[in-house]
C-alpha atoms as a PDB file:
ATOM      1  CA  ARG A   1       2.506   2.108 -22.838  1.00  0.00           C
ATOM      2  CA  ASP A   2       4.383   5.387 -22.444  1.00  0.00           C
ATOM      3  CA  TRP A   3       1.330   6.695 -20.424  1.00  0.00           C
ATOM      4  CA  ALA A   4       2.219   4.411 -17.410  1.00  0.00           C
ATOM      5  CA  ARG A   5       5.890   5.125 -17.336  1.00  0.00           C
ATOM      6  CA  ARG A   6       4.740   9.437 -17.205  1.00  0.00           C
ATOM      7  CA  SER A   7       4.680  10.840 -13.020  1.00  0.00           C
ATOM      8  CA  PRO A   8       1.464  12.448 -11.703  1.00  0.00           C
ATOM      9  CA  PHE A   9       3.282  14.060  -9.335  1.00  0.00           C
ATOM     10  CA  GLY A  10       4.306  17.315 -10.664  1.00  0.00           C
ATOM     11  CA  ALA A  11       3.966  20.430  -9.306  1.00  0.00           C
ATOM     12  CA  ALA A  12       0.448  20.380  -8.783  1.00  0.00           C
ATOM     13  CA  TRP A  13       0.492  17.477  -6.484  1.00  0.00           C
ATOM     14  CA  ARG A  14       1.503  19.626  -3.412  1.00  0.00           C
ATOM     15  CA  LYS A  15      -2.090  20.950  -2.691  1.00  0.00           C
ATOM     16  CA  ALA A  16      -5.043  20.127  -0.061  1.00  0.00           C
ATOM     17  CA  PHE A  17      -8.278  19.520  -0.593  1.00  0.00           C
ATOM     18  CA  LEU A  18     -11.181  19.319   1.692  1.00  0.00           C
ATOM     19  CA  ILE A  19     -13.675  16.422   1.355  1.00  0.00           C
ATOM     20  CA  LEU A  20     -16.996  15.855   2.101  1.00  0.00           C
ATOM     21  CA  PRO A  21     -18.168  12.515   2.337  1.00  0.00           C
ATOM     22  CA  VAL A  22     -21.628  11.089   2.104  1.00  0.00           C
ATOM     23  CA  ALA A  23     -21.268   9.002   5.087  1.00  0.00           C
ATOM     24  CA  GLU A  24     -19.852  10.812   8.707  1.00  0.00           C
ATOM     25  CA  ARG A  25     -16.403  10.758   8.546  1.00  0.00           C
ATOM     26  CA  ARG A  26     -13.716  12.527   9.915  1.00  0.00           C
ATOM     27  CA  ARG A  27      -9.954  12.141   8.180  1.00  0.00           C
ATOM     28  CA  VAL A  28      -6.951  13.571   7.392  1.00  0.00           C
ATOM     29  CA  SER A  29      -4.967  11.377   4.846  1.00  0.00           C
ATOM     30  CA  LEU A  30      -1.075  12.565   4.219  1.00  0.00           C
ATOM     31  CA  LEU A  31      -0.039  11.576   1.055  1.00  0.00           C
ATOM     32  CA  PHE A  32       3.748  11.343  -0.400  1.00  0.00           C
ATOM     33  CA  PRO A  33       5.105  10.241  -3.943  1.00  0.00           C
ATOM     34  CA  SER A  34       8.049   8.019  -3.066  1.00  0.00           C
ATOM     35  CA  PRO A  35       9.767   5.207  -4.743  1.00  0.00           C
ATOM     36  CA  PRO A  36       8.386   2.206  -6.660  1.00  0.00           C
ATOM     37  CA  LEU A  37       8.206  -0.595  -4.149  1.00  0.00           C
ATOM     38  CA  ALA A  38       8.920  -3.812  -6.902  1.00  0.00           C
ATOM     39  CA  PRO A  39      12.561  -2.979  -7.346  1.00  0.00           C
ATOM     40  CA  GLU A  40      12.658  -3.179  -2.967  1.00  0.00           C
ATOM     41  CA  TYR A  41      10.770  -6.311  -2.921  1.00  0.00           C
ATOM     42  CA  LYS A  42      13.025  -8.186  -0.896  1.00  0.00           C
ATOM     43  CA  SER A  43      14.378  -4.960   1.741  1.00  0.00           C
ATOM     44  CA  LYS A  44      10.972  -3.584   2.066  1.00  0.00           C
ATOM     45  CA  PRO A  45      12.381  -0.547   3.511  1.00  0.00           C
ATOM     46  CA  HIS A  46       8.188   0.899   2.996  1.00  0.00           C
ATOM     47  CA  GLN A  47       7.308  -1.827   5.481  1.00  0.00           C
ATOM     48  CA  LEU A  48       9.137  -1.047   8.074  1.00  0.00           C
ATOM     49  CA  LEU A  49       8.209   2.348   7.872  1.00  0.00           C
ATOM     50  CA  SER A  50       4.514   1.050   7.913  1.00  0.00           C
ATOM     51  CA  HIS A  51       5.282  -0.286  11.046  1.00  0.00           C
ATOM     52  CA  LEU A  52       6.619   1.916  12.451  1.00  0.00           C
ATOM     53  CA  LEU A  53       4.134   4.866  12.191  1.00  0.00           C
ATOM     54  CA  GLY A  54       1.310   2.517  12.009  1.00  0.00           C
ATOM     55  CA  HIS A  55       2.183   0.872  15.482  1.00  0.00           C
ATOM     56  CA  GLU A  56      -0.393   1.183  18.653  1.00  0.00           C
ATOM     57  CA  GLY A  57       1.289   0.100  21.452  1.00  0.00           C
ATOM     58  CA  PRO A  58       2.773   2.299  24.214  1.00  0.00           C
ATOM     59  CA  GLY A  59       4.509   5.633  23.219  1.00  0.00           C
ATOM     60  CA  SER A  60       3.395   5.340  19.086  1.00  0.00           C
ATOM     61  CA  LEU A  61       1.690   8.035  17.533  1.00  0.00           C
ATOM     62  CA  LEU A  62      -1.742   6.779  17.534  1.00  0.00           C
ATOM     63  CA  ALA A  63      -1.188   5.919  21.407  1.00  0.00           C
ATOM     64  CA  VAL A  64       0.000   9.956  21.788  1.00  0.00           C
ATOM     65  CA  LEU A  65      -3.233  11.149  19.673  1.00  0.00           C
ATOM     66  CA  LYS A  66      -5.566   8.893  21.460  1.00  0.00           C
ATOM     67  CA  ALA A  67      -4.793  10.728  25.377  1.00  0.00           C
ATOM     68  CA  GLN A  68      -5.256  13.662  23.083  1.00  0.00           C
ATOM     69  CA  GLY A  69      -9.098  12.733  22.651  1.00  0.00           C
ATOM     70  CA  TRP A  70      -7.571  13.729  19.209  1.00  0.00           C
ATOM     71  CA  ALA A  71      -8.236  10.214  16.992  1.00  0.00           C
ATOM     72  CA  THR A  72      -9.326   6.537  17.080  1.00  0.00           C
ATOM     73  CA  GLU A  73      -7.383   4.993  14.113  1.00  0.00           C
ATOM     74  CA  LEU A  74      -4.425   5.360  12.402  1.00  0.00           C
ATOM     75  CA  TYR A  75      -3.046   3.315   8.752  1.00  0.00           C
ATOM     76  CA  ALA A  76       0.385   4.253   7.234  1.00  0.00           C
ATOM     77  CA  GLY A  77       2.005   2.370   4.219  1.00  0.00           C
ATOM     78  CA  PRO A  78       2.377   2.432   0.744  1.00  0.00           C
ATOM     79  CA  GLY A  79      -0.971   2.591  -1.582  1.00  0.00           C
ATOM     80  CA  THR A  80      -0.800   3.550  -5.250  1.00  0.00           C
ATOM     81  CA  SER A  81       2.631   1.967  -7.165  1.00  0.00           C
ATOM     82  CA  LEU A  82       3.066   2.820 -10.451  1.00  0.00           C
ATOM     83  CA  PRO A  83       6.300   1.482 -12.495  1.00  0.00           C
ATOM     84  CA  ASN A  84       8.341   4.520 -11.636  1.00  0.00           C
ATOM     85  CA  GLU A  85       6.614   5.340  -8.550  1.00  0.00           C
ATOM     86  CA  SER A  86       4.377   5.298  -5.808  1.00  0.00           C
ATOM     87  CA  VAL A  87       2.248   6.323  -3.004  1.00  0.00           C
ATOM     88  CA  PHE A  88       3.123   6.398   0.600  1.00  0.00           C
ATOM     89  CA  GLY A  89      -0.005   7.811   2.818  1.00  0.00           C
ATOM     90  CA  VAL A  90      -0.721   8.569   6.649  1.00  0.00           C
ATOM     91  CA  THR A  91      -4.744   8.671   7.239  1.00  0.00           C
ATOM     92  CA  VAL A  92      -5.662   9.264  11.105  1.00  0.00           C
ATOM     93  CA  CYS A  93      -9.409   9.197  11.745  1.00  0.00           C
ATOM     94  CA  LEU A  94     -10.278  12.022  13.758  1.00  0.00           C
ATOM     95  CA  THR A  95     -12.967  12.303  16.612  1.00  0.00           C
ATOM     96  CA  GLU A  96     -15.009  15.265  16.497  1.00  0.00           C
ATOM     97  CA  GLU A  97     -12.795  17.155  19.286  1.00  0.00           C
ATOM     98  CA  GLY A  98      -9.531  15.914  17.145  1.00  0.00           C
ATOM     99  CA  LEU A  99     -11.330  17.463  13.626  1.00  0.00           C
ATOM    100  CA  PRO A 100     -10.199  21.021  14.493  1.00  0.00           C
ATOM    101  CA  LYS A 101      -7.273  20.168  15.421  1.00  0.00           C
ATOM    102  CA  TRP A 102      -6.115  18.857  12.274  1.00  0.00           C
ATOM    103  CA  ARG A 103      -3.235  21.182  11.783  1.00  0.00           C
ATOM    104  CA  ASP A 104      -1.738  20.020  15.126  1.00  0.00           C
ATOM    105  CA  VAL A 105      -2.641  16.518  14.168  1.00  0.00           C
ATOM    106  CA  ILE A 106      -0.209  16.976  10.966  1.00  0.00           C
ATOM    107  CA  GLN A 107       2.525  18.186  13.052  1.00  0.00           C
ATOM    108  CA  MET A 108       2.209  15.633  15.453  1.00  0.00           C
ATOM    109  CA  VAL A 109       2.662  12.904  12.263  1.00  0.00           C
ATOM    110  CA  PHE A 110       5.604  15.564  11.165  1.00  0.00           C
ATOM    111  CA  HIS A 111       7.471  15.401  14.282  1.00  0.00           C
ATOM    112  CA  TYR A 112       7.271  11.594  15.108  1.00  0.00           C
ATOM    113  CA  VAL A 113       8.618  11.128  11.195  1.00  0.00           C
ATOM    114  CA  HIS A 114      11.596  13.347  12.924  1.00  0.00           C
ATOM    115  CA  ILE A 115      11.952  10.678  16.110  1.00  0.00           C
ATOM    116  CA  MET A 116      12.033   7.901  13.274  1.00  0.00           C
ATOM    117  CA  ARG A 117      14.823   9.408  11.787  1.00  0.00           C
ATOM    118  CA  LYS A 118      16.918   9.815  14.633  1.00  0.00           C
ATOM    119  CA  SER A 119      16.053   6.471  15.656  1.00  0.00           C
ATOM    120  CA  SER A 120      19.410   3.821  16.058  1.00  0.00           C
ATOM    121  CA  PHE A 121      20.299   1.114  13.654  1.00  0.00           C
ATOM    122  CA  GLU A 122      19.644  -1.121  16.902  1.00  0.00           C
ATOM    123  CA  ASP A 123      16.453   0.184  17.405  1.00  0.00           C
ATOM    124  CA  ARG A 124      15.466  -0.383  13.867  1.00  0.00           C
ATOM    125  CA  LEU A 125      17.136  -3.923  13.830  1.00  0.00           C
ATOM    126  CA  ARG A 126      15.034  -4.984  17.015  1.00  0.00           C
ATOM    127  CA  ILE A 127      11.867  -3.813  15.242  1.00  0.00           C
ATOM    128  CA  TRP A 128      12.853  -5.032  11.998  1.00  0.00           C
ATOM    129  CA  ASN A 129      13.218  -8.948  13.606  1.00  0.00           C
ATOM    130  CA  GLU A 130       9.538  -8.371  15.785  1.00  0.00           C
ATOM    131  CA  VAL A 131       8.238  -7.793  12.290  1.00  0.00           C
ATOM    132  CA  ASN A 132      10.230 -10.550  10.221  1.00  0.00           C
ATOM    133  CA  ILE A 133       8.783 -12.879  12.600  1.00  0.00           C
ATOM    134  CA  THR A 134       5.347 -12.033  12.835  1.00  0.00           C
ATOM    135  CA  GLN A 135       5.527 -11.794   8.722  1.00  0.00           C
ATOM    136  CA  GLU A 136       6.907 -15.510   8.842  1.00  0.00           C
ATOM    137  CA  LEU A 137       4.597 -16.877  11.123  1.00  0.00           C
ATOM    138  CA  ASP A 138       1.656 -14.973   9.213  1.00  0.00           C
ATOM    139  CA  PHE A 139       2.784 -16.493   6.191  1.00  0.00           C
ATOM    140  CA  ARG A 140       3.049 -19.961   7.662  1.00  0.00           C
ATOM    141  CA  PHE A 141      -0.442 -20.519   9.073  1.00  0.00           C
ATOM    142  CA  ARG A 142      -2.440 -18.003   6.420  1.00  0.00           C
ATOM    143  CA  ASP A 143      -5.623 -18.995   5.463  1.00  0.00           C
ATOM    144  CA  LYS A 144      -6.317 -21.206   1.927  1.00  0.00           C
ATOM    145  CA  GLU A 145      -6.830 -17.947  -0.725  1.00  0.00           C
ATOM    146  CA  LYS A 146      -9.606 -18.755  -3.637  1.00  0.00           C
ATOM    147  CA  GLU A 147      -7.883 -20.146  -6.532  1.00  0.00           C
ATOM    148  CA  ASP A 148      -8.569 -16.715  -9.011  1.00  0.00           C
ATOM    149  CA  GLY A 149      -7.922 -15.015  -6.216  1.00  0.00           C
ATOM    150  CA  TYR A 150      -4.516 -16.659  -6.101  1.00  0.00           C
ATOM    151  CA  VAL A 151      -3.750 -16.653  -9.461  1.00  0.00           C
ATOM    152  CA  GLU A 152      -4.004 -13.196  -9.707  1.00  0.00           C
ATOM    153  CA  ARG A 153      -2.068 -12.181  -7.179  1.00  0.00           C
ATOM    154  CA  ILE A 154       0.915 -14.305  -8.511  1.00  0.00           C
ATOM    155  CA  ALA A 155       0.340 -13.132 -12.318  1.00  0.00           C
ATOM    156  CA  LEU A 156       0.247  -9.368 -10.852  1.00  0.00           C
ATOM    157  CA  SER A 157       3.630 -10.560  -8.961  1.00  0.00           C
ATOM    158  CA  MET A 158       5.088 -11.831 -12.333  1.00  0.00           C
ATOM    159  CA  ALA A 159       4.331  -8.381 -13.928  1.00  0.00           C
ATOM    160  CA  GLU A 160       5.531  -6.118 -11.789  1.00  0.00           C
ATOM    161  CA  LEU A 161       9.146  -8.027  -9.963  1.00  0.00           C
ATOM    162  CA  PRO A 162      12.446  -7.570 -11.691  1.00  0.00           C
ATOM    163  CA  ASP A 163      13.416  -9.504 -14.313  1.00  0.00           C
ATOM    164  CA  ASP A 164      15.754 -11.471 -12.368  1.00  0.00           C
ATOM    165  CA  ALA A 165      13.679 -12.432  -9.277  1.00  0.00           C
ATOM    166  CA  LEU A 166      13.700 -15.838  -8.427  1.00  0.00           C
ATOM    167  CA  PRO A 167      10.114 -18.044  -8.975  1.00  0.00           C
ATOM    168  CA  GLU A 168       9.832 -18.837  -5.584  1.00  0.00           C
ATOM    169  CA  ASN A 169      10.103 -14.778  -5.191  1.00  0.00           C
ATOM    170  CA  LEU A 170       6.841 -14.614  -6.346  1.00  0.00           C
ATOM    171  CA  LEU A 171       4.885 -16.987  -3.615  1.00  0.00           C
ATOM    172  CA  THR A 172       6.576 -14.708  -1.181  1.00  0.00           C
ATOM    173  CA  ALA A 173       7.681 -11.404  -2.214  1.00  0.00           C
ATOM    174  CA  ASP A 174       4.488  -9.618  -1.046  1.00  0.00           C
ATOM    175  CA  ALA A 175       4.472 -11.335   2.282  1.00  0.00           C
ATOM    176  CA  LEU A 176       8.268 -11.728   3.633  1.00  0.00           C
ATOM    177  CA  PHE A 177      11.560  -9.793   4.311  1.00  0.00           C
ATOM    178  CA  LEU A 178      13.776 -11.071   1.667  1.00  0.00           C
ATOM    179  CA  GLU A 179      17.274 -10.134   2.943  1.00  0.00           C
ATOM    180  CA  PRO A 180      18.240  -9.303   6.426  1.00  0.00           C
ATOM    181  CA  PHE A 181      18.358  -5.394   7.662  1.00  0.00           C
ATOM    182  CA  ASP A 182      21.526  -3.914   7.713  1.00  0.00           C
ATOM    183  CA  ASP A 183      23.649  -1.069   6.865  1.00  0.00           C
ATOM    184  CA  ARG A 184      22.408  -0.766   2.792  1.00  0.00           C
ATOM    185  CA  VAL A 185      18.217  -1.535   4.153  1.00  0.00           C
ATOM    186  CA  ASN A 186      19.054   0.783   6.685  1.00  0.00           C
ATOM    187  CA  ASP A 187      20.479   4.076   4.378  1.00  0.00           C
ATOM    188  CA  LYS A 188      17.270   2.978   2.036  1.00  0.00           C
ATOM    189  CA  VAL A 189      14.509   3.718   4.672  1.00  0.00           C
ATOM    190  CA  ASP A 190      16.641   7.396   5.847  1.00  0.00           C
ATOM    191  CA  ARG A 191      16.590   7.862   2.289  1.00  0.00           C
ATOM    192  CA  LEU A 192      12.930   7.405   1.989  1.00  0.00           C
ATOM    193  CA  ILE A 193      12.471   9.739   4.908  1.00  0.00           C
ATOM    194  CA  ASP A 194      14.810  12.547   4.015  1.00  0.00           C
ATOM    195  CA  ASP A 195      13.759  12.696   0.374  1.00  0.00           C
ATOM    196  CA  HIS A 196      10.038  11.905   0.282  1.00  0.00           C
ATOM    197  CA  LEU A 197       8.415  12.103   4.276  1.00  0.00           C
ATOM    198  CA  LYS A 198       8.762  15.744   3.901  1.00  0.00           C
ATOM    199  CA  ALA A 199       6.788  18.935   3.760  1.00  0.00           C
ATOM    200  CA  ASP A 200       7.225  19.785   0.291  1.00  0.00           C
ATOM    201  CA  ASN A 201       6.504  16.350  -0.862  1.00  0.00           C
ATOM    202  CA  LEU A 202       2.933  16.631   0.483  1.00  0.00           C
ATOM    203  CA  ARG A 203      -0.838  16.428  -0.465  1.00  0.00           C
ATOM    204  CA  ILE A 204      -3.122  16.842   2.073  1.00  0.00           C
ATOM    205  CA  HIS A 205      -7.045  14.968   2.182  1.00  0.00           C
ATOM    206  CA  LEU A 206      -9.113  16.206   5.061  1.00  0.00           C
ATOM    207  CA  SER A 207     -12.570  14.378   4.983  1.00  0.00           C
ATOM    208  CA  ALA A 208     -15.566  16.356   6.997  1.00  0.00           C
ATOM    209  CA  PRO A 209     -18.816  16.472   7.199  1.00  0.00           C
ATOM    210  CA  ARG A 210     -20.490  19.954   6.060  1.00  0.00           C
ATOM    211  CA  ASP A 211     -21.047  21.279   8.909  1.00  0.00           C
ATOM    212  CA  GLU A 212     -18.289  20.699  10.940  1.00  0.00           C
ATOM    213  CA  ILE A 213     -15.829  22.296   8.337  1.00  0.00           C
ATOM    214  CA  PRO A 214     -13.044  23.539  10.379  1.00  0.00           C
ATOM    215  CA  ARG A 215     -12.626  27.418  10.815  1.00  0.00           C
ATOM    216  CA  ASP A 216      -9.380  27.333   9.532  1.00  0.00           C
ATOM    217  CA  TRP A 217      -9.571  25.414   6.660  1.00  0.00           C
ATOM    218  CA  PHE A 218      -8.615  27.547   3.924  1.00  0.00           C
ATOM    219  CA  ALA A 219     -11.395  30.305   3.028  1.00  0.00           C
ATOM    220  CA  SER A 220     -11.619  29.578  -1.341  1.00  0.00           C
ATOM    221  CA  GLU A 221     -11.511  26.766  -3.588  1.00  0.00           C
ATOM    222  CA  GLU A 222      -8.716  28.809  -5.016  1.00  0.00           C
ATOM    223  CA  GLU A 223      -6.628  28.629  -1.610  1.00  0.00           C
ATOM    224  CA  ALA A 224      -7.547  25.305  -0.879  1.00  0.00           C
ATOM    225  CA  THR A 225      -5.506  23.979  -3.862  1.00  0.00           C
ATOM    226  CA  ARG A 226      -3.011  26.399  -3.955  1.00  0.00           C
ATOM    227  CA  SER A 227       0.708  25.422  -3.046  1.00  0.00           C
ATOM    228  CA  LEU A 228       0.889  24.916   0.918  1.00  0.00           C
ATOM    229  CA  GLU A 229       3.941  27.325   1.723  1.00  0.00           C
ATOM    230  CA  ALA A 230       2.092  26.850   5.506  1.00  0.00           C
ATOM    231  CA  VAL A 231       2.986  23.090   5.858  1.00  0.00           C
ATOM    232  CA  ASP A 232       6.508  23.782   5.512  1.00  0.00           C
ATOM    233  CA  ARG A 233       6.080  25.298   8.739  1.00  0.00           C
ATOM    234  CA  VAL A 234       4.950  21.750  10.683  1.00  0.00           C
ATOM    235  CA  SER A 235       7.874  20.393   9.604  1.00  0.00           C
ATOM    236  CA  PRO A 236      11.031  20.113  12.541  1.00  0.00           C
ATOM    237  CA  PRO A 237      13.799  21.858  11.750  1.00  0.00           C
END
């Protein structure tokens, strides 16, 4: 099974693709190869970043995009997970007015990531505590699962978690923080941002109806799939 451990995220990863959906859909997705999830099942630095990027309250990225009239929804978090890597994604559902502003939306995502990187330990700890309480309540009062789905989830945890994982971790690894937020975990969050959530590690998927393709989209398929030197300019210094 060597194929399962080969990285699919080589030099060809850094591309931009235009997707013409069957249903009416306008969205831009930013995809970043990042470390695998299983080794960090206790601290879950990906999950804290998912919460920060996906937050919908005042001052959030989505709140700013909504105020501009450019977006209706935003999703952030790890998706595809392989033994040695995963993909962290940020997807913004765009309005008709927001679709032509897709480059500005990307720039705002990177600007928000820059703000997250500059946040203090105290701010992150406060947010981590909020997420931790919410997770514990959700876990305690979660709806009863169907038996086959529950067994499948536990079997997947058994296959993915490190060999030193405790039996009880199989029940909680996908739902709870299993260690406190400290300087070590804070450093993991910083490394995840510095090493992976950056423009030279980015793939872009833009979904748009055929008759609404933005004028500033790449002129040819070759141009659309080439390395995105221009994307470097959307990252803050």
